[in-house]
C-alpha atoms as a PDB file:
ATOM      1  CA  MET A   1    -125.005 -25.917 -75.452  1.00  0.00           C
ATOM      2  CA  THR A   2    -126.471 -25.159 -72.027  1.00  0.00           C
ATOM      3  CA  THR A   3    -126.590 -21.448 -71.198  1.00  0.00           C
ATOM      4  CA  GLU A   4    -125.579 -20.016 -67.829  1.00  0.00           C
ATOM      5  CA  ALA A   5    -129.237 -19.213 -67.084  1.00  0.00           C
ATOM      6  CA  GLU A   6    -130.239 -22.815 -67.827  1.00  0.00           C
ATOM      7  CA  THR A   7    -127.408 -24.089 -65.639  1.00  0.00           C
ATOM      8  CA  ARG A   8    -128.545 -21.896 -62.757  1.00  0.00           C
ATOM      9  CA  MET A   9    -132.167 -22.941 -63.245  1.00  0.00           C
ATOM     10  CA  GLY A  10    -131.173 -26.601 -63.198  1.00  0.00           C
ATOM     11  CA  PHE A  11    -129.122 -25.946 -60.073  1.00  0.00           C
ATOM     12  CA  VAL A  12    -132.104 -24.461 -58.227  1.00  0.00           C
ATOM     13  CA  LEU A  13    -134.409 -27.256 -59.401  1.00  0.00           C
ATOM     14  CA  GLY A  14    -131.884 -29.778 -58.091  1.00  0.00           C
ATOM     15  CA  LEU A  15    -131.836 -28.030 -54.718  1.00  0.00           C
ATOM     16  CA  ARG A  16    -135.629 -28.140 -54.577  1.00  0.00           C
ATOM     17  CA  ALA A  17    -135.558 -31.862 -55.370  1.00  0.00           C
ATOM     18  CA  SER A  18    -133.134 -32.299 -52.448  1.00  0.00           C
ATOM     19  CA  GLY A  19    -135.672 -30.785 -50.031  1.00  0.00           C
ATOM     20  CA  ILE A  20    -134.566 -27.153 -50.030  1.00  0.00           C
ATOM     21  CA  THR A  21    -137.858 -25.252 -50.086  1.00  0.00           C
ATOM     22  CA  ASP A  22    -136.995 -21.995 -48.261  1.00  0.00           C
ATOM     23  CA  GLN A  23    -137.269 -19.292 -50.935  1.00  0.00           C
ATOM     24  CA  ALA A  24    -134.736 -16.998 -49.272  1.00  0.00           C
ATOM     25  CA  VAL A  25    -132.160 -19.806 -49.102  1.00  0.00           C
ATOM     26  CA  LEU A  26    -132.761 -20.766 -52.738  1.00  0.00           C
ATOM     27  CA  LYS A  27    -132.356 -17.136 -53.814  1.00  0.00           C
ATOM     28  CA  ALA A  28    -129.157 -16.704 -51.777  1.00  0.00           C
ATOM     29  CA  MET A  29    -127.687 -19.827 -53.374  1.00  0.00           C
ATOM     30  CA  GLU A  30    -128.760 -18.699 -56.845  1.00  0.00           C
ATOM     31  CA  LEU A  31    -127.013 -15.344 -56.255  1.00  0.00           C
ATOM     32  CA  THR A  32    -123.768 -16.949 -55.067  1.00  0.00           C
ATOM     33  CA  PRO A  33    -121.582 -18.173 -57.958  1.00  0.00           C
ATOM     34  CA  ARG A  34    -120.060 -21.441 -56.695  1.00  0.00           C
ATOM     35  CA  GLU A  35    -117.513 -21.461 -59.536  1.00  0.00           C
ATOM     36  CA  ASP A  36    -115.806 -18.395 -58.040  1.00  0.00           C
ATOM     37  CA  PHE A  37    -114.834 -20.500 -55.019  1.00  0.00           C
ATOM     38  CA  LEU A  38    -113.194 -23.224 -57.109  1.00  0.00           C
ATOM     39  CA  ASP A  39    -109.950 -23.488 -59.078  1.00  0.00           C
ATOM     40  CA  GLY A  40    -108.941 -24.747 -62.491  1.00  0.00           C
ATOM     41  CA  ILE A  41    -110.384 -28.090 -63.536  1.00  0.00           C
ATOM     42  CA  PHE A  42    -113.032 -27.948 -60.815  1.00  0.00           C
ATOM     43  CA  LYS A  43    -114.711 -24.735 -62.009  1.00  0.00           C
ATOM     44  CA  PRO A  44    -116.725 -26.470 -64.765  1.00  0.00           C
ATOM     45  CA  ARG A  45    -118.102 -28.845 -62.120  1.00  0.00           C
ATOM     46  CA  ALA A  46    -119.348 -26.035 -59.873  1.00  0.00           C
ATOM     47  CA  TYR A  47    -123.031 -26.901 -60.253  1.00  0.00           C
ATOM     48  CA  GLU A  48    -122.691 -30.640 -59.757  1.00  0.00           C
ATOM     49  CA  ASP A  49    -124.080 -31.805 -56.420  1.00  0.00           C
ATOM     50  CA  VAL A  50    -120.729 -33.076 -55.159  1.00  0.00           C
ATOM     51  CA  PRO A  51    -118.038 -31.896 -52.740  1.00  0.00           C
ATOM     52  CA  LEU A  52    -114.889 -30.664 -54.497  1.00  0.00           C
ATOM     53  CA  PRO A  53    -111.286 -29.980 -53.354  1.00  0.00           C
ATOM     54  CA  ILE A  54    -110.274 -26.429 -52.424  1.00  0.00           C
ATOM     55  CA  GLY A  55    -106.737 -27.014 -51.110  1.00  0.00           C
ATOM     56  CA  SER A  56    -105.219 -27.632 -47.660  1.00  0.00           C
ATOM     57  CA  GLY A  57    -106.913 -31.041 -47.633  1.00  0.00           C
ATOM     58  CA  GLN A  58    -110.331 -29.377 -47.415  1.00  0.00           C
ATOM     59  CA  THR A  59    -113.410 -29.455 -49.635  1.00  0.00           C
ATOM     60  CA  ILE A  60    -116.311 -27.228 -50.617  1.00  0.00           C
ATOM     61  CA  SER A  61    -119.440 -29.057 -49.502  1.00  0.00           C
ATOM     62  CA  GLN A  62    -121.999 -30.328 -51.970  1.00  0.00           C
ATOM     63  CA  PRO A  63    -124.700 -27.708 -52.640  1.00  0.00           C
ATOM     64  CA  SER A  64    -127.608 -29.834 -51.366  1.00  0.00           C
ATOM     65  CA  VAL A  65    -125.909 -30.186 -47.971  1.00  0.00           C
ATOM     66  CA  VAL A  66    -125.067 -26.469 -47.870  1.00  0.00           C
ATOM     67  CA  GLY A  67    -128.713 -25.735 -48.627  1.00  0.00           C
ATOM     68  CA  LEU A  68    -129.997 -28.157 -46.015  1.00  0.00           C
ATOM     69  CA  MET A  69    -127.741 -26.702 -43.309  1.00  0.00           C
ATOM     70  CA  THR A  70    -128.604 -23.128 -44.246  1.00  0.00           C
ATOM     71  CA  GLN A  71    -132.322 -23.872 -44.286  1.00  0.00           C
ATOM     72  CA  ALA A  72    -132.139 -25.568 -40.866  1.00  0.00           C
ATOM     73  CA  LEU A  73    -130.380 -22.516 -39.433  1.00  0.00           C
ATOM     74  CA  GLN A  74    -133.485 -20.350 -40.093  1.00  0.00           C
ATOM     75  CA  VAL A  75    -131.453 -17.179 -40.548  1.00  0.00           C
ATOM     76  CA  THR A  76    -133.238 -13.829 -40.544  1.00  0.00           C
ATOM     77  CA  LYS A  77    -132.010 -10.325 -41.378  1.00  0.00           C
ATOM     78  CA  ARG A  78    -131.682  -9.613 -37.653  1.00  0.00           C
ATOM     79  CA  CYS A  79    -129.313 -12.527 -37.012  1.00  0.00           C
ATOM     80  CA  LYS A  80    -125.659 -12.378 -36.054  1.00  0.00           C
ATOM     81  CA  VAL A  81    -124.141 -15.655 -37.249  1.00  0.00           C
ATOM     82  CA  LEU A  82    -120.926 -17.489 -36.357  1.00  0.00           C
ATOM     83  CA  GLU A  83    -119.575 -20.022 -38.842  1.00  0.00           C
ATOM     84  CA  VAL A  84    -116.754 -22.331 -37.723  1.00  0.00           C
ATOM     85  CA  GLY A  85    -114.786 -23.504 -40.754  1.00  0.00           C
ATOM     86  CA  THR A  86    -114.720 -20.875 -43.508  1.00  0.00           C
ATOM     87  CA  GLY A  87    -113.133 -23.150 -46.103  1.00  0.00           C
ATOM     88  CA  SER A  88    -113.632 -21.568 -49.524  1.00  0.00           C
ATOM     89  CA  GLY A  89    -115.993 -18.895 -48.168  1.00  0.00           C
ATOM     90  CA  TYR A  90    -118.962 -20.260 -50.148  1.00  0.00           C
ATOM     91  CA  GLN A  91    -121.176 -20.918 -47.125  1.00  0.00           C
ATOM     92  CA  ALA A  92    -120.344 -17.523 -45.607  1.00  0.00           C
ATOM     93  CA  ALA A  93    -121.252 -15.822 -48.896  1.00  0.00           C
ATOM     94  CA  ILE A  94    -124.663 -17.500 -48.866  1.00  0.00           C
ATOM     95  CA  LEU A  95    -125.217 -16.571 -45.228  1.00  0.00           C
ATOM     96  CA  SER A  96    -124.299 -12.949 -46.007  1.00  0.00           C
ATOM     97  CA  HIS A  97    -127.468 -12.637 -48.129  1.00  0.00           C
ATOM     98  CA  LEU A  98    -129.613 -13.795 -45.205  1.00  0.00           C
ATOM     99  CA  ALA A  99    -128.038 -12.403 -42.013  1.00  0.00           C
ATOM    100  CA  ARG A 100    -127.209  -9.021 -40.508  1.00  0.00           C
ATOM    101  CA  ARG A 101    -123.621 -10.010 -39.670  1.00  0.00           C
ATOM    102  CA  VAL A 102    -121.533 -13.120 -40.350  1.00  0.00           C
ATOM    103  CA  TYR A 103    -118.343 -13.971 -38.476  1.00  0.00           C
ATOM    104  CA  THR A 104    -116.446 -16.929 -39.876  1.00  0.00           C
ATOM    105  CA  THR A 105    -113.309 -18.608 -38.510  1.00  0.00           C
ATOM    106  CA  GLU A 106    -110.755 -20.748 -40.347  1.00  0.00           C
ATOM    107  CA  ARG A 107    -107.730 -22.627 -38.932  1.00  0.00           C
ATOM    108  CA  HIS A 108    -105.924 -22.674 -42.310  1.00  0.00           C
ATOM    109  CA  ARG A 109    -104.477 -19.189 -42.778  1.00  0.00           C
ATOM    110  CA  GLY A 110    -104.159 -19.577 -46.556  1.00  0.00           C
ATOM    111  CA  LEU A 111    -107.825 -20.494 -46.932  1.00  0.00           C
ATOM    112  CA  ALA A 112    -108.832 -17.610 -44.660  1.00  0.00           C
ATOM    113  CA  ARG A 113    -106.838 -15.103 -46.728  1.00  0.00           C
ATOM    114  CA  ARG A 114    -108.294 -16.353 -49.989  1.00  0.00           C
ATOM    115  CA  ALA A 115    -111.886 -16.422 -48.686  1.00  0.00           C
ATOM    116  CA  ASP A 116    -111.488 -12.912 -47.289  1.00  0.00           C
ATOM    117  CA  ALA A 117    -110.274 -11.618 -50.655  1.00  0.00           C
ATOM    118  CA  LEU A 118    -113.072 -13.379 -52.551  1.00  0.00           C
ATOM    119  CA  LEU A 119    -115.794 -12.079 -50.257  1.00  0.00           C
ATOM    120  CA  ALA A 120    -114.368  -8.549 -50.425  1.00  0.00           C
ATOM    121  CA  ALA A 121    -114.336  -8.734 -54.242  1.00  0.00           C
ATOM    122  CA  MET A 122    -118.013  -9.760 -54.095  1.00  0.00           C
ATOM    123  CA  ASP A 123    -118.731  -6.781 -51.825  1.00  0.00           C
ATOM    124  CA  ARG A 124    -120.033  -9.016 -49.044  1.00  0.00           C
ATOM    125  CA  THR A 125    -119.267  -6.308 -46.499  1.00  0.00           C
ATOM    126  CA  ASN A 126    -121.223  -7.900 -43.652  1.00  0.00           C
ATOM    127  CA  VAL A 127    -118.802 -10.865 -43.445  1.00  0.00           C
ATOM    128  CA  THR A 128    -115.709 -10.908 -41.218  1.00  0.00           C
ATOM    129  CA  VAL A 129    -113.182 -13.695 -41.849  1.00  0.00           C
ATOM    130  CA  ILE A 130    -110.882 -14.520 -38.937  1.00  0.00           C
ATOM    131  CA  ALA A 131    -107.907 -16.887 -39.070  1.00  0.00           C
ATOM    132  CA  ARG A 132    -108.096 -18.686 -35.721  1.00  0.00           C
ATOM    133  CA  ASP A 133    -109.049 -21.896 -33.928  1.00  0.00           C
ATOM    134  CA  GLY A 134    -112.846 -21.825 -34.048  1.00  0.00           C
ATOM    135  CA  THR A 135    -113.471 -24.636 -31.557  1.00  0.00           C
ATOM    136  CA  PHE A 136    -113.636 -22.049 -28.771  1.00  0.00           C
ATOM    137  CA  GLY A 137    -115.919 -19.780 -30.754  1.00  0.00           C
ATOM    138  CA  LEU A 138    -115.573 -16.029 -30.784  1.00  0.00           C
ATOM    139  CA  PRO A 139    -116.318 -14.911 -27.230  1.00  0.00           C
ATOM    140  CA  GLU A 140    -115.544 -11.249 -27.945  1.00  0.00           C
ATOM    141  CA  GLN A 141    -118.457 -11.144 -30.429  1.00  0.00           C
ATOM    142  CA  SER A 142    -120.864 -13.405 -28.554  1.00  0.00           C
ATOM    143  CA  PRO A 143    -123.665 -14.103 -28.040  1.00  0.00           C
ATOM    144  CA  PHE A 144    -124.760 -15.287 -31.494  1.00  0.00           C
ATOM    145  CA  ASP A 145    -128.263 -15.866 -32.824  1.00  0.00           C
ATOM    146  CA  ARG A 146    -127.053 -18.723 -35.036  1.00  0.00           C
ATOM    147  CA  ILE A 147    -123.938 -20.926 -35.111  1.00  0.00           C
ATOM    148  CA  LEU A 148    -122.933 -23.216 -37.964  1.00  0.00           C
ATOM    149  CA  LEU A 149    -120.112 -25.777 -37.934  1.00  0.00           C
ATOM    150  CA  THR A 150    -118.762 -27.116 -41.211  1.00  0.00           C
ATOM    151  CA  ALA A 151    -116.626 -29.812 -39.565  1.00  0.00           C
ATOM    152  CA  ALA A 152    -117.717 -32.792 -37.481  1.00  0.00           C
ATOM    153  CA  ALA A 153    -117.462 -32.736 -33.696  1.00  0.00           C
ATOM    154  CA  GLU A 154    -117.964 -35.719 -31.388  1.00  0.00           C
ATOM    155  CA  ASP A 155    -120.476 -33.597 -29.461  1.00  0.00           C
ATOM    156  CA  PRO A 156    -121.704 -30.018 -29.771  1.00  0.00           C
ATOM    157  CA  PRO A 157    -118.768 -28.017 -28.298  1.00  0.00           C
ATOM    158  CA  ALA A 158    -119.648 -26.522 -24.914  1.00  0.00           C
ATOM    159  CA  PRO A 159    -117.918 -23.150 -25.602  1.00  0.00           C
ATOM    160  CA  LEU A 160    -120.060 -22.702 -28.707  1.00  0.00           C
ATOM    161  CA  LEU A 161    -123.269 -23.647 -26.925  1.00  0.00           C
ATOM    162  CA  ASP A 162    -122.367 -21.077 -24.258  1.00  0.00           C
ATOM    163  CA  GLN A 163    -122.060 -18.409 -26.968  1.00  0.00           C
ATOM    164  CA  LEU A 164    -125.486 -19.199 -28.439  1.00  0.00           C
ATOM    165  CA  LYS A 165    -128.307 -16.857 -27.422  1.00  0.00           C
ATOM    166  CA  PRO A 166    -131.405 -18.257 -25.698  1.00  0.00           C
ATOM    167  CA  GLY A 167    -133.736 -19.169 -28.556  1.00  0.00           C
ATOM    168  CA  GLY A 168    -130.719 -19.518 -30.842  1.00  0.00           C
ATOM    169  CA  ILE A 169    -130.005 -22.348 -33.278  1.00  0.00           C
ATOM    170  CA  MET A 170    -126.815 -24.312 -33.907  1.00  0.00           C
ATOM    171  CA  VAL A 171    -126.399 -26.684 -36.869  1.00  0.00           C
ATOM    172  CA  LEU A 172    -123.465 -29.084 -36.995  1.00  0.00           C
ATOM    173  CA  PRO A 173    -122.360 -32.558 -38.077  1.00  0.00           C
ATOM    174  CA  VAL A 174    -121.716 -34.882 -35.133  1.00  0.00           C
ATOM    175  CA  GLY A 175    -119.837 -38.176 -35.157  1.00  0.00           C
ATOM    176  CA  GLN A 176    -116.478 -39.879 -35.479  1.00  0.00           C
ATOM    177  CA  SER A 177    -114.390 -38.815 -38.487  1.00  0.00           C
ATOM    178  CA  ASP A 178    -114.159 -42.314 -39.968  1.00  0.00           C
ATOM    179  CA  THR A 179    -117.902 -43.026 -39.940  1.00  0.00           C
ATOM    180  CA  VAL A 180    -121.040 -41.473 -41.360  1.00  0.00           C
ATOM    181  CA  GLN A 181    -122.026 -38.530 -39.220  1.00  0.00           C
ATOM    182  CA  THR A 182    -125.396 -37.102 -38.264  1.00  0.00           C
ATOM    183  CA  LEU A 183    -126.398 -33.537 -39.050  1.00  0.00           C
ATOM    184  CA  LEU A 184    -127.862 -32.045 -35.877  1.00  0.00           C
ATOM    185  CA  LYS A 185    -130.002 -28.992 -35.273  1.00  0.00           C
ATOM    186  CA  VAL A 186    -129.713 -27.751 -31.693  1.00  0.00           C
ATOM    187  CA  ILE A 187    -132.191 -25.210 -30.359  1.00  0.00           C
ATOM    188  CA  LYS A 188    -131.333 -23.482 -27.076  1.00  0.00           C
ATOM    189  CA  THR A 189    -134.539 -23.173 -25.039  1.00  0.00           C
ATOM    190  CA  ASP A 190    -135.351 -22.022 -21.508  1.00  0.00           C
ATOM    191  CA  GLN A 191    -135.797 -25.688 -20.603  1.00  0.00           C
ATOM    192  CA  GLY A 192    -132.468 -26.775 -22.072  1.00  0.00           C
ATOM    193  CA  LEU A 193    -131.263 -28.013 -25.452  1.00  0.00           C
ATOM    194  CA  ASP A 194    -133.608 -29.471 -28.065  1.00  0.00           C
ATOM    195  CA  TYR A 195    -131.895 -31.798 -30.567  1.00  0.00           C
ATOM    196  CA  GLN A 196    -133.212 -32.671 -34.034  1.00  0.00           C
ATOM    197  CA  SER A 197    -131.538 -35.108 -36.432  1.00  0.00           C
ATOM    198  CA  LEU A 198    -131.481 -33.981 -40.066  1.00  0.00           C
ATOM    199  CA  GLY A 199    -129.907 -37.042 -41.665  1.00  0.00           C
ATOM    200  CA  ASP A 200    -126.523 -38.571 -42.454  1.00  0.00           C
ATOM    201  CA  VAL A 201    -123.610 -36.503 -43.751  1.00  0.00           C
ATOM    202  CA  ARG A 202    -119.832 -36.741 -44.071  1.00  0.00           C
ATOM    203  CA  PHE A 203    -117.524 -33.872 -43.113  1.00  0.00           C
ATOM    204  CA  VAL A 204    -113.875 -33.438 -42.201  1.00  0.00           C
ATOM    205  CA  PRO A 205    -113.281 -33.626 -38.421  1.00  0.00           C
ATOM    206  CA  LEU A 206    -113.333 -30.523 -36.237  1.00  0.00           C
ATOM    207  CA  LEU A 207    -109.739 -29.979 -35.098  1.00  0.00           C
ATOM    208  CA  GLU A 208    -108.335 -27.740 -32.377  1.00  0.00           C
ATOM    209  CA  GLY A 209    -105.460 -25.363 -32.978  1.00  0.00           C
ATOM    210  CA  MET A 210    -104.224 -23.623 -36.107  1.00  0.00           C
ATOM    211  CA  ALA A 211    -103.095 -25.732 -39.048  1.00  0.00           C
ATOM    212  CA  GLY A 212     -99.334 -26.072 -39.161  1.00  0.00           C
ATOM    213  CA  ASP A 213     -98.961 -26.401 -42.926  1.00  0.00           C
ATOM    214  CA  GLU A 214     -98.997 -22.705 -43.751  1.00  0.00           C
ATOM    215  CA  ALA A 215     -97.316 -19.544 -42.602  1.00  0.00           C
END
């Protein structure tokens, strides 16, 4: 029978094989128990490199993609980070090990409540979960050093780019919801925006407004 330590070791080796080489990112992912963000029959599959359902029609992203996005964000301990699309809270938990402050928004109130409770139970005190439409960012807390979107936009949203500090980095999937999307890294420079493609991904679409399926 595989021990928990062996499972975690295999998980990290799998991340390395997927191109995640940043030691701080690997450590943050090793310290964040993915099974805590999953329910029932999905818990035993926590360390498979697949997306899994979390309710409200949403998924927890596959670990290799989470690692790739986190690595591209180049988070340091001085960074204030905005995440749009809290989902299970897994990505925010990983970011909390790397950043000074993490603000994360979620349009599904039920998911936001659950993620907030999970992160509090894990003592991730530098994370603030906010139930709101994240497409317009969080102007009252801007500017941000880093911005991460976990849903696909047709283009990088202008309000979010406006809330990114000069020298800041935004990572997001871009593309139509019914096609393969491209993961983009956007660096805000004095000369304008520098775009880098990081490969093909598939995410749920970025939607405006609060979800109407929950109170």
